[in-house]
């Protein structure tokens, strides 16, 4: 498990690293990444477009969309 800090608001996310061989049969890797990218961008915009929290936004989006990292 890894802790990821948000530089802007000080929040911390605890995330797990996925297994190398894990795949999602229902959703292609490309579609999954696009879903996460769009949600992460939405989080960025909701924060007012401030730089510095891209990793936090990405991990939060991944958790929100798919339940784990």
C-alpha atoms as a PDB file:
ATOM      1  CA  UNK A   1       0.000   0.000   0.000  1.00  0.00           C
ATOM      2  CA  UNK A   2       1.255   3.465  -0.885  1.00  0.00           C
ATOM      3  CA  UNK A   3       0.261   6.851   0.537  1.00  0.00           C
ATOM      4  CA  UNK A   4      -0.128   9.635  -2.012  1.00  0.00           C
ATOM      5  CA  UNK A   5      -0.374  13.214  -0.725  1.00  0.00           C
ATOM      6  CA  UNK A   6      -2.227  16.030  -2.442  1.00  0.00           C
ATOM      7  CA  UNK A   7       0.038  19.103  -2.350  1.00  0.00           C
ATOM      8  CA  UNK A   8      -2.910  21.473  -2.695  1.00  0.00           C
ATOM      9  CA  UNK A   9      -5.237  20.417   0.119  1.00  0.00           C
ATOM     10  CA  UNK A  10      -3.058  18.079   2.176  1.00  0.00           C
ATOM     11  CA  UNK A  11      -5.323  15.046   1.809  1.00  0.00           C
ATOM     12  CA  UNK A  12      -3.772  11.604   1.508  1.00  0.00           C
ATOM     13  CA  UNK A  13      -4.948   8.597  -0.465  1.00  0.00           C
ATOM     14  CA  UNK A  14      -3.875   5.072   0.394  1.00  0.00           C
ATOM     15  CA  UNK A  15      -3.585   2.971  -2.736  1.00  0.00           C
ATOM     16  CA  UNK A  16      -2.546  -0.566  -3.523  1.00  0.00           C
ATOM     17  CA  UNK A  17      -0.388  -1.557  -6.435  1.00  0.00           C
ATOM     18  CA  UNK A  18      -2.125  -3.840  -8.915  1.00  0.00           C
ATOM     19  CA  UNK A  19      -0.632  -7.184  -9.827  1.00  0.00           C
ATOM     20  CA  UNK A  20       1.393  -7.201 -13.008  1.00  0.00           C
ATOM     21  CA  UNK A  21      -0.818  -9.859 -14.621  1.00  0.00           C
ATOM     22  CA  UNK A  22      -4.217  -8.447 -13.607  1.00  0.00           C
ATOM     23  CA  UNK A  23      -6.539  -7.624 -16.514  1.00  0.00           C
ATOM     24  CA  UNK A  24     -10.073  -6.375 -16.770  1.00  0.00           C
ATOM     25  CA  UNK A  25     -11.946  -8.592 -19.226  1.00  0.00           C
ATOM     26  CA  UNK A  26     -14.968  -6.302 -19.589  1.00  0.00           C
ATOM     27  CA  UNK A  27     -13.121  -3.101 -20.332  1.00  0.00           C
ATOM     28  CA  UNK A  28     -10.103  -2.811 -22.578  1.00  0.00           C
ATOM     29  CA  UNK A  29      -7.026  -1.167 -21.139  1.00  0.00           C
ATOM     30  CA  UNK A  30      -7.455   1.768 -23.497  1.00  0.00           C
ATOM     31  CA  UNK A  31     -11.108   2.361 -22.535  1.00  0.00           C
ATOM     32  CA  UNK A  32     -10.239   2.072 -18.846  1.00  0.00           C
ATOM     33  CA  UNK A  33      -7.439   4.620 -19.197  1.00  0.00           C
ATOM     34  CA  UNK A  34      -9.705   7.021 -21.103  1.00  0.00           C
ATOM     35  CA  UNK A  35     -12.371   6.782 -18.375  1.00  0.00           C
ATOM     36  CA  UNK A  36      -9.805   7.543 -15.689  1.00  0.00           C
ATOM     37  CA  UNK A  37      -8.279  10.365 -17.727  1.00  0.00           C
ATOM     38  CA  UNK A  38     -11.625  12.084 -18.180  1.00  0.00           C
ATOM     39  CA  UNK A  39     -12.495  11.795 -14.479  1.00  0.00           C
ATOM     40  CA  UNK A  40      -9.045  13.027 -13.431  1.00  0.00           C
ATOM     41  CA  UNK A  41      -9.442  16.024 -15.716  1.00  0.00           C
ATOM     42  CA  UNK A  42     -12.851  16.723 -14.181  1.00  0.00           C
ATOM     43  CA  UNK A  43     -11.276  16.630 -10.705  1.00  0.00           C
ATOM     44  CA  UNK A  44      -8.574  19.042 -11.912  1.00  0.00           C
ATOM     45  CA  UNK A  45     -11.201  21.458 -13.221  1.00  0.00           C
ATOM     46  CA  UNK A  46     -13.226  21.192 -10.007  1.00  0.00           C
ATOM     47  CA  UNK A  47     -10.104  22.237  -8.072  1.00  0.00           C
ATOM     48  CA  UNK A  48      -9.905  25.380 -10.169  1.00  0.00           C
ATOM     49  CA  UNK A  49      -7.313  24.088 -12.627  1.00  0.00           C
ATOM     50  CA  UNK A  50      -4.405  24.417 -10.199  1.00  0.00           C
ATOM     51  CA  UNK A  51      -1.304  22.407 -11.098  1.00  0.00           C
ATOM     52  CA  UNK A  52       0.536  20.067  -8.741  1.00  0.00           C
ATOM     53  CA  UNK A  53      -2.019  17.358  -7.960  1.00  0.00           C
ATOM     54  CA  UNK A  54      -2.064  15.324 -11.164  1.00  0.00           C
ATOM     55  CA  UNK A  55      -1.055  12.032  -9.519  1.00  0.00           C
ATOM     56  CA  UNK A  56      -3.590  12.524  -6.739  1.00  0.00           C
ATOM     57  CA  UNK A  57      -6.312  13.317  -9.292  1.00  0.00           C
ATOM     58  CA  UNK A  58      -5.416  10.252 -11.374  1.00  0.00           C
ATOM     59  CA  UNK A  59      -5.414   7.871  -8.393  1.00  0.00           C
ATOM     60  CA  UNK A  60      -8.634   9.310  -6.994  1.00  0.00           C
ATOM     61  CA  UNK A  61     -10.275   8.970 -10.420  1.00  0.00           C
ATOM     62  CA  UNK A  62      -9.105   5.382 -10.701  1.00  0.00           C
ATOM     63  CA  UNK A  63     -10.532   4.541  -7.285  1.00  0.00           C
ATOM     64  CA  UNK A  64     -13.822   6.309  -8.012  1.00  0.00           C
ATOM     65  CA  UNK A  65     -14.239   4.640 -11.403  1.00  0.00           C
ATOM     66  CA  UNK A  66     -13.014   1.132 -10.667  1.00  0.00           C
ATOM     67  CA  UNK A  67     -12.799   0.768  -6.891  1.00  0.00           C
ATOM     68  CA  UNK A  68      -9.046   0.184  -6.643  1.00  0.00           C
ATOM     69  CA  UNK A  69      -5.725   1.077  -8.135  1.00  0.00           C
END
